[in-house]
Amino acid sequence: MNIYGPQAILSSGESGSGKDHVYDHMFPLNANGGPLIPKVKSMTARPSRGGADNDKYIFVSEEEFYATPKATELFVNEPFWIVQERTRGILAAAPTGHSITWAIDIEKNGKPAWLSNSHFDAITAMLNNSEGTAKLFKEFVVNLLSDNKKWLYGVPVSEVEKYKNDHFEYNVNEPKYAAQMVRYLEQNNYPHAIKLLHYQKPKNNLDIVATRIGMANDIAVREMNTATLQDYWDSGLSPDFQLMSSADKVFIPKDMVDYFNSIVHYEIYKSLGAAVGAQGFRLPAGLSLVNMSGREFYTKQR
């Protein structure tokens, strides 16, 4: 375990898996009460949901997003706006006043007279390509009148450079995007020791995030995200720590808590007393350990 130098903590897990909760309530604090391991900010071209959202992201125009050098780049709701762009011509061919759900009707009733053979073939190909594609296409058509703006995300290079010699945490839904950060750090010779935190999906994760839904197709987009062990392996990664959660409880591996506390102890030693006020991984007093399959976990109420 290398804790002698800057640490890059890369957290991945589906919406509602506890990433923000663990960071906000349990990550170590410095002597001033701020985060010992600051969270790197992503910029995004999507609209703000308001509230705390404005503190978590750097909001930019689509043009500025594409022009800015990035360490990571995420096209989160890509299937929605790709389908939108590909079907504009098809939609324009629909008779005036026709039901907005005509594409679903086509699947049931066959080609209507007003639709060309090539357009019909394009629609049925998308509908029949896979269950996932069909579902996305149907939801797109049903929600066509809502605002399907591109949700573009990415960490600017300038944001990562702030932590060239310091700890940082990067929080992202899917492991494939954590892999982008790993490659960026390695290719640019950053000195960080990289630790991967895998937040496993709770059964009711979408119920957990329902209160912060605020955009067109929010739930459908979140359903597309996956963060399984297979996703890590497909991205060339293997998580160092796995956290589990439910609607009311988080399970935190003891060895992960020990790792974070080692960082705190090293910071205290390195500063020769200047950071004596730093706090370790924050767990409620008197917490007992739970043994699960030979590994020890702390549990914390959410």
C-alpha atoms as a PDB file:
ATOM      1  CA  MET A   1       0.000   0.000   0.000  1.00  0.00           C
ATOM      2  CA  ASN A   2       1.700   3.180  -1.220  1.00  0.00           C
ATOM      3  CA  ILE A   3       0.590   6.165   0.856  1.00  0.00           C
ATOM      4  CA  TYR A   4       3.879   8.096   0.499  1.00  0.00           C
ATOM      5  CA  GLY A   5       2.844  10.645  -2.078  1.00  0.00           C
ATOM      6  CA  PRO A   6      -0.272  12.060  -3.745  1.00  0.00           C
ATOM      7  CA  GLN A   7      -3.246   9.716  -4.032  1.00  0.00           C
ATOM      8  CA  ALA A   8      -5.834   9.620  -6.833  1.00  0.00           C
ATOM      9  CA  ILE A   9      -9.062   8.068  -5.549  1.00  0.00           C
ATOM     10  CA  LEU A  10     -11.306   7.044  -8.463  1.00  0.00           C
ATOM     11  CA  SER A  11     -14.843   6.174  -7.359  1.00  0.00           C
ATOM     12  CA  SER A  12     -17.281   4.406  -9.698  1.00  0.00           C
ATOM     13  CA  GLY A  13     -20.823   3.198  -9.135  1.00  0.00           C
ATOM     14  CA  GLU A  14     -24.303   3.653 -10.522  1.00  0.00           C
ATOM     15  CA  SER A  15     -26.549   6.506  -9.408  1.00  0.00           C
ATOM     16  CA  GLY A  16     -27.721   5.966  -5.829  1.00  0.00           C
ATOM     17  CA  SER A  17     -24.857   3.633  -4.891  1.00  0.00           C
ATOM     18  CA  GLY A  18     -23.535   5.977  -2.183  1.00  0.00           C
ATOM     19  CA  LYS A  19     -20.562   7.731  -3.833  1.00  0.00           C
ATOM     20  CA  ASP A  20     -21.533  11.260  -2.790  1.00  0.00           C
ATOM     21  CA  HIS A  21     -22.772  10.149   0.636  1.00  0.00           C
ATOM     22  CA  VAL A  22     -19.502   8.438   1.556  1.00  0.00           C
ATOM     23  CA  TYR A  23     -17.424  11.337   0.241  1.00  0.00           C
ATOM     24  CA  ASP A  24     -19.488  14.061   1.922  1.00  0.00           C
ATOM     25  CA  HIS A  25     -19.900  12.346   5.295  1.00  0.00           C
ATOM     26  CA  MET A  26     -16.917  10.056   5.752  1.00  0.00           C
ATOM     27  CA  PHE A  27     -13.844  11.062   3.741  1.00  0.00           C
ATOM     28  CA  PRO A  28     -10.985  12.496   5.870  1.00  0.00           C
ATOM     29  CA  LEU A  29     -10.865  16.199   6.707  1.00  0.00           C
ATOM     30  CA  ASN A  30      -7.823  18.457   6.965  1.00  0.00           C
ATOM     31  CA  ALA A  31      -6.913  20.617   9.946  1.00  0.00           C
ATOM     32  CA  ASN A  32      -9.225  23.393   8.732  1.00  0.00           C
ATOM     33  CA  GLY A  33     -12.247  21.129   8.417  1.00  0.00           C
ATOM     34  CA  GLY A  34     -12.081  20.998   4.627  1.00  0.00           C
ATOM     35  CA  PRO A  35     -11.579  17.856   2.536  1.00  0.00           C
ATOM     36  CA  LEU A  36      -8.139  16.291   2.848  1.00  0.00           C
ATOM     37  CA  ILE A  37      -8.771  14.725  -0.559  1.00  0.00           C
ATOM     38  CA  PRO A  38     -10.521  17.371  -2.719  1.00  0.00           C
ATOM     39  CA  LYS A  39     -12.978  16.310  -5.403  1.00  0.00           C
ATOM     40  CA  VAL A  40     -11.950  17.164  -8.950  1.00  0.00           C
ATOM     41  CA  LYS A  41     -14.755  18.992 -10.808  1.00  0.00           C
ATOM     42  CA  SER A  42     -16.178  17.970 -14.156  1.00  0.00           C
ATOM     43  CA  MET A  43     -17.445  20.500 -16.656  1.00  0.00           C
ATOM     44  CA  THR A  44     -20.725  19.778 -18.399  1.00  0.00           C
ATOM     45  CA  ALA A  45     -22.776  21.156 -21.267  1.00  0.00           C
ATOM     46  CA  ARG A  46     -26.073  20.008 -19.763  1.00  0.00           C
ATOM     47  CA  PRO A  47     -28.353  22.472 -17.948  1.00  0.00           C
ATOM     48  CA  SER A  48     -27.985  22.817 -14.185  1.00  0.00           C
ATOM     49  CA  ARG A  49     -30.507  21.030 -11.992  1.00  0.00           C
ATOM     50  CA  GLY A  50     -30.120  23.874  -9.497  1.00  0.00           C
ATOM     51  CA  GLY A  51     -29.180  23.771  -5.816  1.00  0.00           C
ATOM     52  CA  ALA A  52     -26.035  21.817  -4.933  1.00  0.00           C
ATOM     53  CA  ASP A  53     -25.606  20.927  -8.613  1.00  0.00           C
ATOM     54  CA  ASN A  54     -24.127  24.396  -9.164  1.00  0.00           C
ATOM     55  CA  ASP A  55     -21.303  23.658  -6.714  1.00  0.00           C
ATOM     56  CA  LYS A  56     -20.413  20.255  -8.175  1.00  0.00           C
ATOM     57  CA  TYR A  57     -19.935  21.111 -11.852  1.00  0.00           C
ATOM     58  CA  ILE A  58     -18.470  23.718 -14.175  1.00  0.00           C
ATOM     59  CA  PHE A  59     -21.274  24.618 -16.604  1.00  0.00           C
ATOM     60  CA  VAL A  60     -20.184  25.528 -20.120  1.00  0.00           C
ATOM     61  CA  SER A  61     -21.652  25.806 -23.615  1.00  0.00           C
ATOM     62  CA  GLU A  62     -21.393  22.878 -26.006  1.00  0.00           C
ATOM     63  CA  GLU A  63     -18.873  24.846 -28.074  1.00  0.00           C
ATOM     64  CA  GLU A  64     -16.704  25.562 -25.041  1.00  0.00           C
ATOM     65  CA  PHE A  65     -16.878  21.922 -23.981  1.00  0.00           C
ATOM     66  CA  TYR A  66     -15.514  20.659 -27.293  1.00  0.00           C
ATOM     67  CA  ALA A  67     -12.798  23.352 -27.376  1.00  0.00           C
ATOM     68  CA  THR A  68     -11.448  22.664 -23.868  1.00  0.00           C
ATOM     69  CA  PRO A  69      -8.594  20.116 -23.412  1.00  0.00           C
ATOM     70  CA  LYS A  70      -9.950  17.280 -21.269  1.00  0.00           C
ATOM     71  CA  ALA A  71      -8.550  14.413 -19.216  1.00  0.00           C
ATOM     72  CA  THR A  72     -11.863  12.524 -19.479  1.00  0.00           C
ATOM     73  CA  GLU A  73     -14.829  12.848 -21.826  1.00  0.00           C
ATOM     74  CA  LEU A  74     -18.313  11.409 -21.259  1.00  0.00           C
ATOM     75  CA  PHE A  75     -21.297  11.464 -23.619  1.00  0.00           C
ATOM     76  CA  VAL A  76     -23.781  10.366 -20.979  1.00  0.00           C
ATOM     77  CA  ASN A  77     -27.123  10.446 -22.818  1.00  0.00           C
ATOM     78  CA  GLU A  78     -25.585   9.781 -26.226  1.00  0.00           C
ATOM     79  CA  PRO A  79     -28.166   7.194 -27.413  1.00  0.00           C
ATOM     80  CA  PHE A  80     -30.956   9.747 -27.016  1.00  0.00           C
ATOM     81  CA  TRP A  81     -29.449  12.544 -29.052  1.00  0.00           C
ATOM     82  CA  ILE A  82     -27.902  10.230 -31.646  1.00  0.00           C
ATOM     83  CA  VAL A  83     -31.361   8.757 -32.277  1.00  0.00           C
ATOM     84  CA  GLN A  84     -32.751  12.293 -32.329  1.00  0.00           C
ATOM     85  CA  GLU A  85     -30.274  13.398 -34.987  1.00  0.00           C
ATOM     86  CA  ARG A  86     -30.725  10.251 -37.089  1.00  0.00           C
ATOM     87  CA  THR A  87     -34.532  10.423 -37.085  1.00  0.00           C
ATOM     88  CA  ARG A  88     -35.178  14.107 -37.717  1.00  0.00           C
ATOM     89  CA  GLY A  89     -35.776  13.434 -41.392  1.00  0.00           C
ATOM     90  CA  ILE A  90     -38.076  10.535 -40.597  1.00  0.00           C
ATOM     91  CA  LEU A  91     -40.084  12.590 -38.145  1.00  0.00           C
ATOM     92  CA  ALA A  92     -40.408  15.404 -40.666  1.00  0.00           C
ATOM     93  CA  ALA A  93     -42.148  12.958 -43.017  1.00  0.00           C
ATOM     94  CA  ALA A  94     -44.966  12.249 -40.543  1.00  0.00           C
ATOM     95  CA  PRO A  95     -48.323  13.820 -41.495  1.00  0.00           C
ATOM     96  CA  THR A  96     -49.241  16.978 -39.623  1.00  0.00           C
ATOM     97  CA  GLY A  97     -51.022  16.193 -36.366  1.00  0.00           C
ATOM     98  CA  HIS A  98     -49.964  12.559 -36.366  1.00  0.00           C
ATOM     99  CA  SER A  99     -49.467  10.989 -32.954  1.00  0.00           C
ATOM    100  CA  ILE A 100     -45.999  11.566 -31.520  1.00  0.00           C
ATOM    101  CA  THR A 101     -45.927   7.857 -30.644  1.00  0.00           C
ATOM    102  CA  TRP A 102     -46.173   6.782 -34.291  1.00  0.00           C
ATOM    103  CA  ALA A 103     -42.896   4.838 -34.151  1.00  0.00           C
ATOM    104  CA  ILE A 104     -44.346   2.541 -31.508  1.00  0.00           C
ATOM    105  CA  ASP A 105     -47.486   2.117 -33.625  1.00  0.00           C
ATOM    106  CA  ILE A 106     -45.267   1.154 -36.554  1.00  0.00           C
ATOM    107  CA  GLU A 107     -43.804  -1.705 -34.572  1.00  0.00           C
ATOM    108  CA  LYS A 108     -47.300  -3.060 -33.920  1.00  0.00           C
ATOM    109  CA  ASN A 109     -49.066  -2.319 -37.193  1.00  0.00           C
ATOM    110  CA  GLY A 110     -46.419  -2.296 -39.914  1.00  0.00           C
ATOM    111  CA  LYS A 111     -45.455   0.435 -42.384  1.00  0.00           C
ATOM    112  CA  PRO A 112     -47.956   3.285 -42.824  1.00  0.00           C
ATOM    113  CA  ALA A 113     -48.580   4.519 -46.360  1.00  0.00           C
ATOM    114  CA  TRP A 114     -46.940   7.897 -45.766  1.00  0.00           C
ATOM    115  CA  LEU A 115     -43.578   6.419 -44.689  1.00  0.00           C
ATOM    116  CA  SER A 116     -40.955   5.528 -47.292  1.00  0.00           C
ATOM    117  CA  ASN A 117     -39.528   2.010 -47.429  1.00  0.00           C
ATOM    118  CA  SER A 118     -36.030   3.235 -46.516  1.00  0.00           C
ATOM    119  CA  HIS A 119     -37.309   5.162 -43.495  1.00  0.00           C
ATOM    120  CA  PHE A 120     -39.393   2.177 -42.405  1.00  0.00           C
ATOM    121  CA  ASP A 121     -36.333  -0.085 -42.668  1.00  0.00           C
ATOM    122  CA  ALA A 122     -34.299   2.391 -40.587  1.00  0.00           C
ATOM    123  CA  ILE A 123     -36.918   2.482 -37.837  1.00  0.00           C
ATOM    124  CA  THR A 124     -37.439  -1.276 -37.656  1.00  0.00           C
ATOM    125  CA  ALA A 125     -33.688  -1.863 -37.640  1.00  0.00           C
ATOM    126  CA  MET A 126     -33.318   0.381 -34.597  1.00  0.00           C
ATOM    127  CA  LEU A 127     -36.334  -1.142 -32.884  1.00  0.00           C
ATOM    128  CA  ASN A 128     -35.171  -4.711 -33.467  1.00  0.00           C
ATOM    129  CA  ASN A 129     -31.439  -4.241 -32.980  1.00  0.00           C
ATOM    130  CA  SER A 130     -31.594  -5.066 -29.271  1.00  0.00           C
ATOM    131  CA  GLU A 131     -33.963  -4.797 -26.343  1.00  0.00           C
ATOM    132  CA  GLY A 132     -31.959  -1.867 -24.996  1.00  0.00           C
ATOM    133  CA  THR A 133     -31.998   0.036 -28.288  1.00  0.00           C
ATOM    134  CA  ALA A 134     -35.710  -0.557 -28.752  1.00  0.00           C
ATOM    135  CA  LYS A 135     -36.436   0.720 -25.264  1.00  0.00           C
ATOM    136  CA  LEU A 136     -34.324   3.831 -25.787  1.00  0.00           C
ATOM    137  CA  PHE A 137     -35.937   4.565 -29.133  1.00  0.00           C
ATOM    138  CA  LYS A 138     -39.451   4.207 -27.752  1.00  0.00           C
ATOM    139  CA  GLU A 139     -38.675   6.424 -24.766  1.00  0.00           C
ATOM    140  CA  PHE A 140     -37.119   8.976 -27.086  1.00  0.00           C
ATOM    141  CA  VAL A 141     -40.242   9.152 -29.256  1.00  0.00           C
ATOM    142  CA  VAL A 142     -42.565   9.365 -26.272  1.00  0.00           C
ATOM    143  CA  ASN A 143     -40.474  12.199 -24.840  1.00  0.00           C
ATOM    144  CA  LEU A 144     -39.745  13.892 -28.128  1.00  0.00           C
ATOM    145  CA  LEU A 145     -41.383  17.158 -27.112  1.00  0.00           C
ATOM    146  CA  SER A 146     -39.192  17.414 -23.996  1.00  0.00           C
ATOM    147  CA  ASP A 147     -35.711  18.913 -23.932  1.00  0.00           C
ATOM    148  CA  ASN A 148     -33.181  16.256 -24.957  1.00  0.00           C
ATOM    149  CA  LYS A 149     -30.035  18.353 -24.766  1.00  0.00           C
ATOM    150  CA  LYS A 150     -26.649  16.655 -24.876  1.00  0.00           C
ATOM    151  CA  TRP A 151     -25.269  15.729 -21.471  1.00  0.00           C
ATOM    152  CA  LEU A 152     -21.568  16.171 -22.163  1.00  0.00           C
ATOM    153  CA  TYR A 153     -19.197  15.740 -19.223  1.00  0.00           C
ATOM    154  CA  GLY A 154     -15.434  15.888 -18.878  1.00  0.00           C
ATOM    155  CA  VAL A 155     -12.689  16.854 -16.460  1.00  0.00           C
ATOM    156  CA  PRO A 156     -10.670  19.773 -17.891  1.00  0.00           C
ATOM    157  CA  VAL A 157      -6.910  19.253 -17.962  1.00  0.00           C
ATOM    158  CA  SER A 158      -6.593  22.520 -16.006  1.00  0.00           C
ATOM    159  CA  GLU A 159      -8.683  21.012 -13.183  1.00  0.00           C
ATOM    160  CA  VAL A 160      -6.426  17.939 -12.880  1.00  0.00           C
ATOM    161  CA  GLU A 161      -3.321  20.129 -12.974  1.00  0.00           C
ATOM    162  CA  LYS A 162      -4.465  21.806  -9.744  1.00  0.00           C
ATOM    163  CA  TYR A 163      -3.662  18.515  -8.007  1.00  0.00           C
ATOM    164  CA  LYS A 164      -0.419  17.679  -9.830  1.00  0.00           C
ATOM    165  CA  ASN A 165       1.271  17.002  -6.485  1.00  0.00           C
ATOM    166  CA  ASP A 166      -1.713  16.571  -4.207  1.00  0.00           C
ATOM    167  CA  HIS A 167      -4.507  14.108  -3.465  1.00  0.00           C
ATOM    168  CA  PHE A 168      -7.796  14.210  -5.362  1.00  0.00           C
ATOM    169  CA  GLU A 169     -10.981  12.169  -5.808  1.00  0.00           C
ATOM    170  CA  TYR A 170     -12.762  11.618  -9.130  1.00  0.00           C
ATOM    171  CA  ASN A 171     -16.357  10.440  -8.894  1.00  0.00           C
ATOM    172  CA  VAL A 172     -17.942   8.942 -12.015  1.00  0.00           C
ATOM    173  CA  ASN A 173     -20.719   6.443 -12.710  1.00  0.00           C
ATOM    174  CA  GLU A 174     -19.013   3.995 -15.053  1.00  0.00           C
ATOM    175  CA  PRO A 175     -15.555   2.351 -14.742  1.00  0.00           C
ATOM    176  CA  LYS A 176     -14.740   3.014 -18.400  1.00  0.00           C
ATOM    177  CA  TYR A 177     -14.499   6.712 -17.550  1.00  0.00           C
ATOM    178  CA  ALA A 178     -12.311   6.038 -14.520  1.00  0.00           C
ATOM    179  CA  ALA A 179     -10.065   4.182 -16.984  1.00  0.00           C
ATOM    180  CA  GLN A 180      -9.757   7.405 -18.996  1.00  0.00           C
ATOM    181  CA  MET A 181      -8.415   9.166 -15.910  1.00  0.00           C
ATOM    182  CA  VAL A 182      -5.994   6.311 -15.192  1.00  0.00           C
ATOM    183  CA  ARG A 183      -4.617   6.549 -18.741  1.00  0.00           C
ATOM    184  CA  TYR A 184      -4.327  10.341 -18.544  1.00  0.00           C
ATOM    185  CA  LEU A 185      -2.382  10.221 -15.273  1.00  0.00           C
ATOM    186  CA  GLU A 186      -0.070   7.481 -16.523  1.00  0.00           C
ATOM    187  CA  GLN A 187       0.555   9.007 -19.947  1.00  0.00           C
ATOM    188  CA  ASN A 188       1.361  12.396 -18.423  1.00  0.00           C
ATOM    189  CA  ASN A 189       3.629  10.977 -15.699  1.00  0.00           C
ATOM    190  CA  TYR A 190       1.572  12.098 -12.733  1.00  0.00           C
ATOM    191  CA  PRO A 191       3.120  10.824  -9.481  1.00  0.00           C
ATOM    192  CA  HIS A 192      -0.161   9.621  -7.986  1.00  0.00           C
ATOM    193  CA  ALA A 193      -0.841   6.247  -6.465  1.00  0.00           C
ATOM    194  CA  ILE A 194      -4.230   5.255  -7.899  1.00  0.00           C
ATOM    195  CA  LYS A 195      -6.918   3.572  -5.820  1.00  0.00           C
ATOM    196  CA  LEU A 196     -10.198   2.362  -7.340  1.00  0.00           C
ATOM    197  CA  LEU A 197     -13.368   2.366  -5.217  1.00  0.00           C
ATOM    198  CA  HIS A 198     -16.218   0.245  -6.570  1.00  0.00           C
ATOM    199  CA  TYR A 199     -19.666   1.101  -5.212  1.00  0.00           C
ATOM    200  CA  GLN A 200     -21.901  -1.866  -5.890  1.00  0.00           C
ATOM    201  CA  LYS A 201     -25.438  -1.202  -7.065  1.00  0.00           C
ATOM    202  CA  PRO A 202     -28.182  -1.432  -4.422  1.00  0.00           C
ATOM    203  CA  LYS A 203     -31.451  -3.025  -5.491  1.00  0.00           C
ATOM    204  CA  ASN A 204     -33.388   0.223  -5.203  1.00  0.00           C
ATOM    205  CA  ASN A 205     -30.780   2.647  -6.530  1.00  0.00           C
ATOM    206  CA  LEU A 206     -33.213   4.539  -8.771  1.00  0.00           C
ATOM    207  CA  ASP A 207     -35.614   5.036  -5.871  1.00  0.00           C
ATOM    208  CA  ILE A 208     -32.731   6.548  -3.928  1.00  0.00           C
ATOM    209  CA  VAL A 209     -31.988   9.130  -6.651  1.00  0.00           C
ATOM    210  CA  ALA A 210     -35.637   9.889  -7.466  1.00  0.00           C
ATOM    211  CA  THR A 211     -35.583  13.038  -5.335  1.00  0.00           C
ATOM    212  CA  ARG A 212     -32.854  14.603  -7.454  1.00  0.00           C
ATOM    213  CA  ILE A 213     -34.393  13.852 -10.845  1.00  0.00           C
ATOM    214  CA  GLY A 214     -34.804  17.102 -12.714  1.00  0.00           C
ATOM    215  CA  MET A 215     -34.235  16.642 -16.442  1.00  0.00           C
ATOM    216  CA  ALA A 216     -35.800  15.003 -19.472  1.00  0.00           C
ATOM    217  CA  ASN A 217     -35.187  11.236 -19.512  1.00  0.00           C
ATOM    218  CA  ASP A 218     -33.234  11.384 -16.239  1.00  0.00           C
ATOM    219  CA  ILE A 219     -34.217   7.890 -15.094  1.00  0.00           C
ATOM    220  CA  ALA A 220     -33.786   6.346 -18.542  1.00  0.00           C
ATOM    221  CA  VAL A 221     -30.277   7.785 -18.851  1.00  0.00           C
ATOM    222  CA  ARG A 222     -29.304   6.518 -15.396  1.00  0.00           C
ATOM    223  CA  GLU A 223     -30.620   3.064 -16.283  1.00  0.00           C
ATOM    224  CA  MET A 224     -28.067   2.935 -19.095  1.00  0.00           C
ATOM    225  CA  ASN A 225     -25.134   3.250 -16.676  1.00  0.00           C
ATOM    226  CA  THR A 226     -23.522   0.056 -15.438  1.00  0.00           C
ATOM    227  CA  ALA A 227     -20.683  -0.387 -12.967  1.00  0.00           C
ATOM    228  CA  THR A 228     -20.176  -4.119 -12.491  1.00  0.00           C
ATOM    229  CA  LEU A 229     -16.957  -6.029 -11.908  1.00  0.00           C
ATOM    230  CA  GLN A 230     -17.187  -7.094 -15.544  1.00  0.00           C
ATOM    231  CA  ASP A 231     -17.243  -3.395 -16.528  1.00  0.00           C
ATOM    232  CA  TYR A 232     -14.020  -2.881 -14.564  1.00  0.00           C
ATOM    233  CA  TRP A 233     -12.348  -5.843 -16.229  1.00  0.00           C
ATOM    234  CA  ASP A 234     -13.544  -4.771 -19.675  1.00  0.00           C
ATOM    235  CA  SER A 235     -11.887  -1.399 -18.977  1.00  0.00           C
ATOM    236  CA  GLY A 236      -8.610  -3.028 -17.956  1.00  0.00           C
ATOM    237  CA  LEU A 237      -9.117  -2.227 -14.271  1.00  0.00           C
ATOM    238  CA  SER A 238      -9.557  -4.120 -11.022  1.00  0.00           C
ATOM    239  CA  PRO A 239     -11.077  -2.292  -8.024  1.00  0.00           C
ATOM    240  CA  ASP A 240      -9.030  -2.019  -4.834  1.00  0.00           C
ATOM    241  CA  PHE A 241     -12.054  -1.671  -2.526  1.00  0.00           C
ATOM    242  CA  GLN A 242     -15.701  -2.640  -2.917  1.00  0.00           C
ATOM    243  CA  LEU A 243     -18.442  -0.834  -1.010  1.00  0.00           C
ATOM    244  CA  MET A 244     -22.019  -2.039  -0.724  1.00  0.00           C
ATOM    245  CA  SER A 245     -25.102  -0.066   0.145  1.00  0.00           C
ATOM    246  CA  SER A 246     -28.854  -0.166   0.488  1.00  0.00           C
ATOM    247  CA  ALA A 247     -31.428   2.590   0.948  1.00  0.00           C
ATOM    248  CA  ASP A 248     -30.532   2.951   4.632  1.00  0.00           C
ATOM    249  CA  LYS A 249     -27.058   1.493   5.117  1.00  0.00           C
ATOM    250  CA  VAL A 250     -23.538   1.583   3.682  1.00  0.00           C
ATOM    251  CA  PHE A 251     -20.973  -1.208   4.124  1.00  0.00           C
ATOM    252  CA  ILE A 252     -17.396   0.095   4.142  1.00  0.00           C
ATOM    253  CA  PRO A 253     -14.426  -2.324   4.013  1.00  0.00           C
ATOM    254  CA  LYS A 254     -12.188  -2.064   7.084  1.00  0.00           C
ATOM    255  CA  ASP A 255      -9.051  -2.236   4.943  1.00  0.00           C
ATOM    256  CA  MET A 256     -10.261   0.838   3.035  1.00  0.00           C
ATOM    257  CA  VAL A 257     -10.750   2.732   6.285  1.00  0.00           C
ATOM    258  CA  ASP A 258      -7.227   1.682   7.333  1.00  0.00           C
ATOM    259  CA  TYR A 259      -5.868   2.950   4.002  1.00  0.00           C
ATOM    260  CA  PHE A 260      -7.444   6.386   4.403  1.00  0.00           C
ATOM    261  CA  ASN A 261      -6.258   6.677   7.998  1.00  0.00           C
ATOM    262  CA  SER A 262      -2.730   5.836   6.848  1.00  0.00           C
ATOM    263  CA  ILE A 263      -2.907   8.809   4.465  1.00  0.00           C
ATOM    264  CA  VAL A 264      -3.927  11.041   7.379  1.00  0.00           C
ATOM    265  CA  HIS A 265      -1.070   9.759   9.547  1.00  0.00           C
ATOM    266  CA  TYR A 266       1.394  10.361   6.730  1.00  0.00           C
ATOM    267  CA  GLU A 267       0.096  13.917   6.249  1.00  0.00           C
ATOM    268  CA  ILE A 268       0.546  14.580   9.967  1.00  0.00           C
ATOM    269  CA  TYR A 269       4.085  13.213   9.839  1.00  0.00           C
ATOM    270  CA  LYS A 270       4.940  15.108   6.626  1.00  0.00           C
ATOM    271  CA  SER A 271       3.763  18.442   8.026  1.00  0.00           C
ATOM    272  CA  LEU A 272       5.584  17.971  11.323  1.00  0.00           C
ATOM    273  CA  GLY A 273       2.553  18.978  13.329  1.00  0.00           C
ATOM    274  CA  ALA A 274       0.876  21.480  11.023  1.00  0.00           C
ATOM    275  CA  ALA A 275      -1.927  19.019  10.248  1.00  0.00           C
ATOM    276  CA  VAL A 276      -2.372  17.551  13.705  1.00  0.00           C
ATOM    277  CA  GLY A 277      -5.993  18.609  13.573  1.00  0.00           C
ATOM    278  CA  ALA A 278      -6.699  16.378  10.575  1.00  0.00           C
ATOM    279  CA  GLN A 279      -9.456  13.817  11.041  1.00  0.00           C
ATOM    280  CA  GLY A 280      -9.320  10.263   9.765  1.00  0.00           C
ATOM    281  CA  PHE A 281     -12.082   8.387   7.981  1.00  0.00           C
ATOM    282  CA  ARG A 282     -15.216   9.570   9.774  1.00  0.00           C
ATOM    283  CA  LEU A 283     -17.230   6.755  11.294  1.00  0.00           C
ATOM    284  CA  PRO A 284     -19.732   7.060  14.169  1.00  0.00           C
ATOM    285  CA  ALA A 285     -18.307   6.324  17.612  1.00  0.00           C
ATOM    286  CA  GLY A 286     -18.835   2.819  18.980  1.00  0.00           C
ATOM    287  CA  LEU A 287     -19.406   1.313  15.556  1.00  0.00           C
ATOM    288  CA  SER A 288     -19.021  -2.473  15.426  1.00  0.00           C
ATOM    289  CA  LEU A 289     -17.524  -4.478  12.610  1.00  0.00           C
ATOM    290  CA  VAL A 290     -19.525  -6.983  10.559  1.00  0.00           C
ATOM    291  CA  ASN A 291     -17.739 -10.073   9.226  1.00  0.00           C
ATOM    292  CA  MET A 292     -18.919 -11.028   5.745  1.00  0.00           C
ATOM    293  CA  SER A 293     -17.284 -13.949   3.930  1.00  0.00           C
ATOM    294  CA  GLY A 294     -14.061 -13.508   5.853  1.00  0.00           C
ATOM    295  CA  ARG A 295     -13.829  -9.724   5.331  1.00  0.00           C
ATOM    296  CA  GLU A 296     -14.626  -7.029   7.851  1.00  0.00           C
ATOM    297  CA  PHE A 297     -16.978  -4.157   7.063  1.00  0.00           C
ATOM    298  CA  TYR A 298     -18.127  -1.114   8.976  1.00  0.00           C
ATOM    299  CA  THR A 299     -21.793  -0.272   8.547  1.00  0.00           C
ATOM    300  CA  LYS A 300     -23.193   3.257   8.584  1.00  0.00           C
ATOM    301  CA  GLN A 301     -26.753   4.545   8.312  1.00  0.00           C
ATOM    302  CA  ARG A 302     -27.363   6.685   5.230  1.00  0.00           C
END
